[in-house]
Protein backbone atom coordinates (compact mmCIF):
# COMPACT_ATOMS: atom_id res chain seq x y z
CA MET A 1 -30.56 117.06 133.46
CA ASN A 2 -33.31 116.36 131.02
CA ARG A 3 -33.39 112.55 130.26
CA PRO A 4 -34.00 111.45 126.53
CA GLY A 5 -37.20 109.48 127.70
CA ALA A 6 -38.64 112.50 129.46
CA GLU A 7 -38.35 114.43 126.19
CA VAL A 8 -40.01 111.65 124.15
CA ALA A 9 -42.89 111.72 126.74
CA ALA A 10 -43.14 115.51 126.40
CA LEU A 11 -43.29 115.35 122.68
CA GLU A 12 -45.98 112.52 122.86
CA ALA A 13 -47.99 114.75 125.25
CA LEU A 14 -47.79 117.63 122.87
CA ARG A 15 -49.27 115.50 120.02
CA GLN A 16 -52.26 114.14 122.16
CA THR A 17 -53.23 117.51 123.74
CA PRO A 18 -56.83 118.44 122.79
CA VAL A 19 -56.87 121.29 120.28
CA GLN A 20 -59.71 123.25 121.58
CA ASN A 21 -58.55 123.62 125.20
CA GLU A 22 -55.14 125.16 124.29
CA LEU A 23 -56.26 127.31 121.41
CA GLU A 24 -58.90 129.50 123.13
CA PRO A 25 -57.53 132.89 124.34
CA SER A 26 -59.77 134.05 127.18
CA LEU A 27 -60.92 137.04 129.18
CA SER A 28 -61.85 137.43 132.74
CA PRO A 29 -65.52 136.49 133.61
CA ARG A 30 -65.78 140.08 135.11
CA PHE A 31 -66.43 141.34 131.53
CA VAL A 32 -69.75 139.45 131.82
CA ALA A 33 -70.54 141.67 134.85
CA TYR A 34 -69.52 144.92 132.91
CA VAL A 35 -71.82 144.13 130.05
CA ARG A 36 -74.64 142.99 132.39
CA ASP A 37 -74.44 146.27 134.26
CA TYR A 38 -74.54 148.36 131.12
CA LEU A 39 -77.62 146.58 129.78
CA LEU A 40 -79.41 146.89 133.25
CA ASP A 41 -78.56 150.55 133.33
CA HIS A 42 -80.38 151.01 129.92
CA GLY A 43 -83.44 148.97 130.95
CA ILE A 44 -82.46 145.98 128.73
CA ALA A 45 -82.94 142.40 130.03
CA PRO A 46 -79.36 140.69 129.87
CA GLU A 47 -80.46 137.15 129.42
CA PRO A 48 -81.66 137.25 125.72
CA VAL A 49 -78.37 138.89 124.79
CA PHE A 50 -76.08 136.45 126.76
CA ARG A 51 -78.13 133.42 125.72
CA GLN A 52 -77.57 134.35 122.02
CA CYS A 53 -73.81 134.35 122.73
CA GLY A 54 -73.87 131.17 124.64
CA ILE A 55 -72.80 132.95 127.82
CA GLU A 56 -74.46 132.66 131.44
CA SER A 57 -74.86 136.25 132.83
CA SER A 58 -74.67 134.72 136.33
CA ARG A 59 -71.14 133.33 135.66
CA CYS A 60 -69.23 136.38 136.32
CA GLU A 61 -67.40 135.89 139.71
CA GLU A 62 -63.72 136.26 139.90
CA LEU A 63 -63.42 132.48 140.47
CA ASP A 64 -65.71 131.44 137.63
CA ALA A 65 -64.09 130.09 134.57
CA ALA A 66 -62.68 132.40 131.97
CA VAL A 67 -64.67 133.17 128.88
CA PRO A 68 -63.35 132.67 125.42
CA ALA A 69 -62.54 136.14 124.02
CA ARG A 70 -64.45 135.50 120.82
CA GLN A 71 -67.64 135.16 122.92
CA ILE A 72 -66.87 138.31 124.90
CA ALA A 73 -66.16 140.28 121.62
CA SER A 74 -69.44 139.02 120.11
CA LEU A 75 -71.26 139.88 123.35
CA LEU A 76 -70.30 143.47 123.16
CA GLU A 77 -71.17 143.70 119.51
CA LEU A 78 -74.53 142.20 120.11
CA ALA A 79 -75.18 144.39 123.14
CA ALA A 80 -74.46 147.28 121.00
CA GLN A 81 -77.16 146.26 118.65
CA TYR A 82 -79.68 145.63 121.37
CA SER A 83 -79.03 149.03 122.84
CA ASP A 84 -79.06 150.60 119.44
CA ASN A 85 -75.77 152.44 120.35
CA PRO A 86 -72.83 152.19 117.93
CA CYS A 87 -70.66 153.72 120.67
CA MET A 88 -71.55 151.28 123.35
CA GLY A 89 -67.93 150.17 124.01
CA LEU A 90 -66.91 153.72 124.79
CA HIS A 91 -70.03 154.62 126.72
CA MET A 92 -69.74 151.52 128.84
CA ALA A 93 -66.13 152.61 129.77
CA GLN A 94 -67.22 156.05 130.58
CA ARG A 95 -70.05 154.61 132.83
CA TYR A 96 -67.93 151.94 134.43
CA HIS A 97 -69.25 150.46 137.67
CA TYR A 98 -66.28 150.54 139.99
CA GLU A 99 -68.22 148.56 142.54
CA SER A 100 -68.01 145.68 140.06
CA ALA A 101 -64.29 146.03 139.46
CA SER A 102 -62.13 143.02 139.21
CA LEU A 103 -59.22 142.25 141.78
CA LEU A 104 -56.80 143.49 139.27
CA ILE A 105 -58.59 146.86 138.60
CA LEU A 106 -58.84 147.50 142.27
CA ALA A 107 -55.03 146.77 142.73
CA MET A 108 -54.21 149.14 139.84
CA LEU A 109 -56.21 151.87 141.37
CA ALA A 110 -54.70 151.36 144.78
CA ALA A 111 -51.26 151.86 143.42
CA PRO A 112 -49.32 155.19 144.33
CA SER A 113 -49.19 156.70 140.78
CA VAL A 114 -50.04 156.37 137.13
CA GLY A 115 -46.74 154.69 136.24
CA ASP A 116 -47.20 152.15 139.09
CA GLY A 117 -50.79 151.49 138.30
CA ILE A 118 -50.09 150.81 134.55
CA ARG A 119 -47.19 148.48 135.53
CA CYS A 120 -49.37 146.56 137.91
CA LEU A 121 -51.97 146.23 135.17
CA CYS A 122 -49.52 145.01 132.63
CA HIS A 123 -47.87 142.59 134.96
CA TYR A 124 -50.86 140.80 136.37
CA ASP A 125 -53.30 140.99 133.35
CA ARG A 126 -51.14 138.24 131.78
CA TYR A 127 -52.88 135.83 134.32
CA VAL A 128 -56.35 137.27 133.99
CA ASP A 129 -56.84 137.96 130.21
CA THR A 130 -54.81 135.53 128.12
CA ALA A 131 -56.40 137.03 125.05
CA ILE A 132 -54.99 140.57 125.60
CA ALA A 133 -51.17 140.95 124.95
CA ILE A 134 -50.13 144.33 126.73
CA ASN A 135 -47.01 146.24 126.24
CA PHE A 136 -45.65 149.66 127.36
CA ASP A 137 -42.72 151.74 126.49
CA PHE A 138 -42.06 154.78 129.05
CA SER A 139 -38.51 155.35 127.90
CA LYS A 140 -39.33 158.04 125.41
CA SER A 141 -40.74 161.71 125.71
CA LEU A 142 -44.11 160.15 124.67
CA ALA A 143 -45.11 157.19 126.77
CA GLU A 144 -46.68 154.41 124.79
CA PHE A 145 -49.26 151.97 126.03
CA SER A 146 -50.32 149.28 123.48
CA TYR A 147 -52.32 146.06 123.50
CA ARG A 148 -53.54 143.41 121.06
CA VAL A 149 -56.55 141.32 121.35
CA ILE A 150 -56.22 137.80 120.28
CA VAL A 151 -59.40 136.45 118.63
CA PRO A 152 -60.02 134.18 115.65
CA GLU A 153 -60.23 135.91 112.18
CA GLY A 154 -63.62 137.31 111.38
CA VAL A 155 -64.62 138.11 114.96
CA ALA A 156 -65.49 141.84 115.31
CA VAL A 157 -63.58 143.61 118.05
CA LYS A 158 -64.60 147.25 117.48
CA GLN A 159 -66.66 147.56 120.71
CA LEU A 160 -64.05 145.56 122.76
CA ASN A 161 -61.16 147.68 121.49
CA GLU A 162 -62.91 150.97 122.14
CA TYR A 163 -64.07 149.76 125.53
CA LEU A 164 -60.54 148.80 126.63
CA GLN A 165 -58.96 151.93 125.37
CA GLY A 166 -61.76 154.15 126.79
CA PHE A 167 -61.72 152.36 130.16
CA LEU A 168 -57.94 152.88 130.71
CA VAL A 169 -58.22 156.54 130.05
CA GLN A 170 -61.49 157.01 132.04
CA ALA A 171 -59.91 155.10 135.02
CA LEU A 172 -56.68 157.23 134.98
CA ASN A 173 -58.84 160.47 134.59
CA THR A 174 -60.83 159.42 137.63
CA ALA A 175 -57.83 158.23 139.76
CA THR A 176 -55.80 161.39 139.25
CA ARG A 177 -58.56 164.05 138.66
CA ILE A 178 -56.35 165.16 135.88
CA PRO A 179 -57.13 164.34 132.11
CA VAL A 180 -54.57 162.11 130.40
CA PRO A 181 -52.51 164.36 128.15
CA ILE A 182 -53.10 162.21 125.06
CA LYS A 183 -51.29 162.94 121.76
CA GLN A 184 -52.62 160.12 119.56
CA VAL A 185 -54.92 157.07 119.86
CA CYS A 186 -54.61 154.15 117.41
CA PHE A 187 -57.19 151.21 117.05
CA SER A 188 -56.57 147.84 115.02
CA HIS A 189 -60.16 147.80 113.71
CA ASP A 190 -61.02 149.62 110.37
CA ASP A 191 -64.51 150.78 111.29
CA ASP A 192 -64.10 154.47 111.74
CA ARG A 193 -67.75 155.46 112.20
CA ASN A 194 -67.21 156.36 115.86
CA ALA A 195 -64.27 158.55 115.02
CA GLU A 196 -66.01 161.86 115.93
CA ALA A 197 -67.14 160.48 119.28
CA LEU A 198 -63.72 158.95 120.02
CA GLU A 199 -61.77 162.16 119.30
CA ALA A 200 -64.18 164.19 121.51
CA PHE A 201 -63.58 161.72 124.38
CA PHE A 202 -59.76 161.43 123.94
CA LYS A 203 -59.27 165.00 122.86
CA ALA A 204 -56.70 163.72 120.45
CA PRO A 205 -56.39 162.36 116.98
CA VAL A 206 -57.68 158.90 116.39
CA LYS A 207 -56.39 156.52 113.73
CA PHE A 208 -57.72 153.22 112.55
CA SER A 209 -56.47 150.10 110.84
CA CYS A 210 -53.33 150.05 112.82
CA PRO A 211 -51.16 147.00 113.82
CA ASP A 212 -52.14 147.30 117.36
CA ASN A 213 -54.20 149.47 119.68
CA ARG A 214 -51.98 152.20 121.07
CA LEU A 215 -52.21 155.26 123.32
CA PHE A 216 -49.43 157.94 123.26
CA PHE A 217 -49.30 160.41 125.99
CA ASP A 218 -46.81 162.83 127.78
CA ARG A 219 -44.50 160.84 129.91
CA SER A 220 -44.65 163.37 132.71
CA TYR A 221 -48.11 162.17 133.39
CA LEU A 222 -46.56 158.89 134.74
CA GLN A 223 -45.62 160.78 137.95
CA GLU A 224 -49.20 161.86 138.79
CA ARG A 225 -50.48 160.57 142.02
CA PHE A 226 -53.59 158.52 142.38
CA HIS A 227 -56.17 159.95 144.68
CA THR A 228 -57.37 156.38 144.97
CA SER A 229 -54.07 155.17 146.16
CA HIS A 230 -54.04 152.92 149.29
CA ASN A 231 -50.75 151.36 150.05
CA LEU A 232 -51.92 148.72 152.38
CA LEU A 233 -54.83 147.66 150.18
CA HIS A 234 -52.44 147.63 147.12
CA GLU A 235 -50.06 145.39 148.96
CA ILE A 236 -52.91 142.97 150.15
CA LEU A 237 -54.52 142.76 146.76
CA VAL A 238 -51.07 142.09 144.93
CA ASN A 239 -50.29 139.40 147.44
CA ALA A 240 -53.72 137.95 146.94
CA MET A 241 -53.20 137.90 143.13
CA LYS A 242 -49.74 136.29 143.54
CA THR A 243 -51.23 133.53 145.65
CA TYR A 244 -54.31 132.88 143.47
CA PHE A 245 -52.88 133.08 140.07
CA VAL A 246 -50.53 130.21 140.66
CA SER A 247 -52.98 128.12 142.56
CA GLU A 248 -54.58 124.86 141.06
CA GLN A 249 -58.06 126.41 141.23
CA SER A 250 -57.14 129.42 138.93
CA GLY A 251 -56.28 127.06 136.13
CA ASN A 252 -52.87 128.90 136.01
CA GLY A 253 -50.31 126.34 136.63
CA PHE A 254 -46.72 127.47 136.61
CA VAL A 255 -46.07 125.78 133.28
CA ASP A 256 -49.22 127.55 131.82
CA ILE A 257 -47.80 130.86 132.96
CA LEU A 258 -44.45 130.32 131.49
CA CYS A 259 -46.07 129.24 128.11
CA ARG A 260 -48.01 132.47 128.01
CA GLU A 261 -45.00 134.57 128.72
CA ILE A 262 -42.91 132.76 126.08
CA ILE A 263 -45.71 133.23 123.57
CA ARG A 264 -45.80 136.99 124.38
CA CYS A 265 -42.11 137.35 123.60
CA GLY A 266 -43.01 136.35 120.07
CA ALA A 267 -40.39 137.09 117.41
CA ASP A 268 -39.48 140.57 118.97
CA GLU A 269 -37.02 139.22 121.66
CA SER A 270 -35.23 136.07 122.53
CA ALA A 271 -37.38 134.02 125.03
CA THR A 272 -34.45 132.77 127.15
CA LEU A 273 -34.83 131.55 130.63
CA GLU A 274 -33.35 134.75 132.04
CA LYS A 275 -35.63 137.02 130.01
CA ILE A 276 -38.73 135.17 131.02
CA ALA A 277 -37.62 135.18 134.67
CA GLU A 278 -37.12 138.99 134.40
CA ARG A 279 -40.69 139.35 132.85
CA LEU A 280 -42.13 137.36 135.73
CA ALA A 281 -40.22 139.27 138.38
CA ILE A 282 -38.58 136.26 139.67
CA SER A 283 -34.87 135.17 139.69
CA PRO A 284 -33.65 132.63 137.21
CA ARG A 285 -32.70 130.46 140.06
CA THR A 286 -36.30 130.43 141.36
CA LEU A 287 -37.58 129.74 137.87
CA ARG A 288 -35.22 126.68 137.43
CA ARG A 289 -36.26 125.44 140.91
CA ARG A 290 -40.04 125.71 140.01
CA LEU A 291 -39.43 123.92 136.68
CA SER A 292 -37.59 121.19 138.43
CA SER A 293 -40.51 120.56 140.76
CA GLU A 294 -42.69 120.28 137.68
CA GLY A 295 -40.50 117.74 136.13
CA ARG A 296 -39.89 119.96 133.10
CA SER A 297 -36.90 121.68 131.42
CA PHE A 298 -37.16 125.14 130.01
CA ARG A 299 -36.65 123.79 126.51
CA GLU A 300 -39.85 121.47 126.91
CA VAL A 301 -41.88 124.40 128.12
CA LYS A 302 -40.59 126.62 125.19
CA ASN A 303 -41.52 123.88 122.66
CA LEU A 304 -44.92 123.48 124.37
CA ALA A 305 -45.61 127.16 124.23
CA ARG A 306 -44.61 127.44 120.51
CA ALA A 307 -46.63 124.37 119.70
CA LYS A 308 -49.81 125.79 121.33
CA ARG A 309 -49.46 129.10 119.53
CA ALA A 310 -48.56 127.38 116.05
CA LYS A 311 -51.77 125.28 116.49
CA TYR A 312 -53.83 128.24 117.18
CA TYR A 313 -52.58 130.20 114.18
CA LEU A 314 -52.90 127.05 111.81
CA ARG A 315 -56.49 126.24 113.03
CA ARG A 316 -57.96 129.58 113.77
CA THR A 317 -56.35 132.01 111.23
CA THR A 318 -55.43 132.08 107.53
CA MET A 319 -51.98 133.51 108.18
CA PRO A 320 -49.39 132.22 105.69
CA ILE A 321 -47.31 129.44 107.28
CA ALA A 322 -44.09 131.51 106.65
CA GLU A 323 -45.63 134.22 108.57
CA ILE A 324 -46.55 131.92 111.40
CA ALA A 325 -42.93 130.83 111.49
CA TYR A 326 -41.64 134.27 111.77
CA GLU A 327 -44.14 135.10 114.54
CA LEU A 328 -42.88 132.20 116.60
CA GLY A 329 -39.25 133.17 116.20
CA PHE A 330 -38.09 130.96 113.32
CA SER A 331 -35.94 132.51 110.66
CA GLU A 332 -36.56 129.88 108.18
CA LEU A 333 -39.80 128.09 107.20
CA SER A 334 -37.97 124.70 106.98
CA ALA A 335 -36.79 125.06 110.51
CA PHE A 336 -40.34 125.68 111.74
CA SER A 337 -41.72 122.84 109.69
CA ARG A 338 -39.17 120.52 111.20
CA ALA A 339 -39.98 121.61 114.71
CA PHE A 340 -43.76 121.40 114.16
CA ARG A 341 -43.54 117.89 112.90
CA SER A 342 -41.59 116.80 116.02
CA TRP A 343 -44.17 118.50 118.30
CA VAL A 344 -47.31 117.13 116.51
CA GLY A 345 -46.29 114.34 114.28
CA GLN A 346 -47.32 116.00 110.93
CA ALA A 347 -46.52 119.06 108.82
CA PRO A 348 -48.04 122.31 109.41
CA GLN A 349 -50.05 122.27 106.24
CA ALA A 350 -51.42 118.77 106.78
CA TYR A 351 -52.49 119.84 110.28
CA ARG A 352 -54.21 122.86 109.01
CA GLU A 353 -56.11 120.94 106.28
CA GLN A 354 -57.29 118.29 108.81
CA GLY A 355 -58.52 120.98 111.18
CA GLU A 356 -62.14 122.20 111.58
CA PRO A 357 -63.20 125.04 109.35
CA LEU A 358 -62.54 128.55 110.52
CA SER A 359 -66.19 129.30 110.53
CA GLY A 360 -67.11 126.38 112.60
CA GLU A 361 -66.52 127.92 115.96
């Protein structure tokens, strides 16, 4: 049972948590290697490009610190300018260096089939790339894979969006030796200057200015076998990820993992303990036991997750507060305002007004 004193302490910790650390959605340091390889392939010295974005090109090992998503997005846009290639994101995906692949990508490609590979990607990417919210729906005649990149407003994501969408299709084409039977591709950015090149690559209609990035394809393709399949390697890599992603050195404490999963539930589904346990592929009993060992209740972690996301939206976006409340699962603005005041000690609007300017990244 949660003691009143413990809840007071948890609320006080929420109020004192530094804003910057909790508001920075990030991407795997392997993205640094992918951009570095592309630049080297085109005879461009990586250092000036990386230096301009505040990134060290040598910090790209799996165990290195994750990189803020805004920096990776800016890096791709700048690399496109340096290489004078408006289609750089797509071309980087087409010429992907599999020898530089991350642990997650290797595990995905070692899976038995397309469906297994995508499920592996969706399940473990939540630990690797906190700035990418992935979903899939394989229940209809057209399978749907979607993702959203979480970056501050004003950060261009065109190259990153086109790279991510292009990479998934290129990897599936390579692993199955069969082109993905795509029916439609959607992008969240509004810059359609690459439309012709994208339609030629995907061999399907491409739409822009969509709510999320989406890929629709025939569900039957999910059964296609991977020629890259390696059952033993897949098992070893999955076990390695399970071990690493909950270790202290990964920066993914169990509470952090729960927070991310609760945030991903958003307003679309109720973030109950049972639902979160199902999404993490563990039993509710195991989840309760782990929470107990952390000295936390599920209610405390849920409040922590909502507070983190609320702070992010208030300080890094211009979203109306009513929209933020809905995004976090509150049916009424007044209920969100009361909750936020209990978490942070001030009203949402006051918190927003006291924050650093959106341009002051």
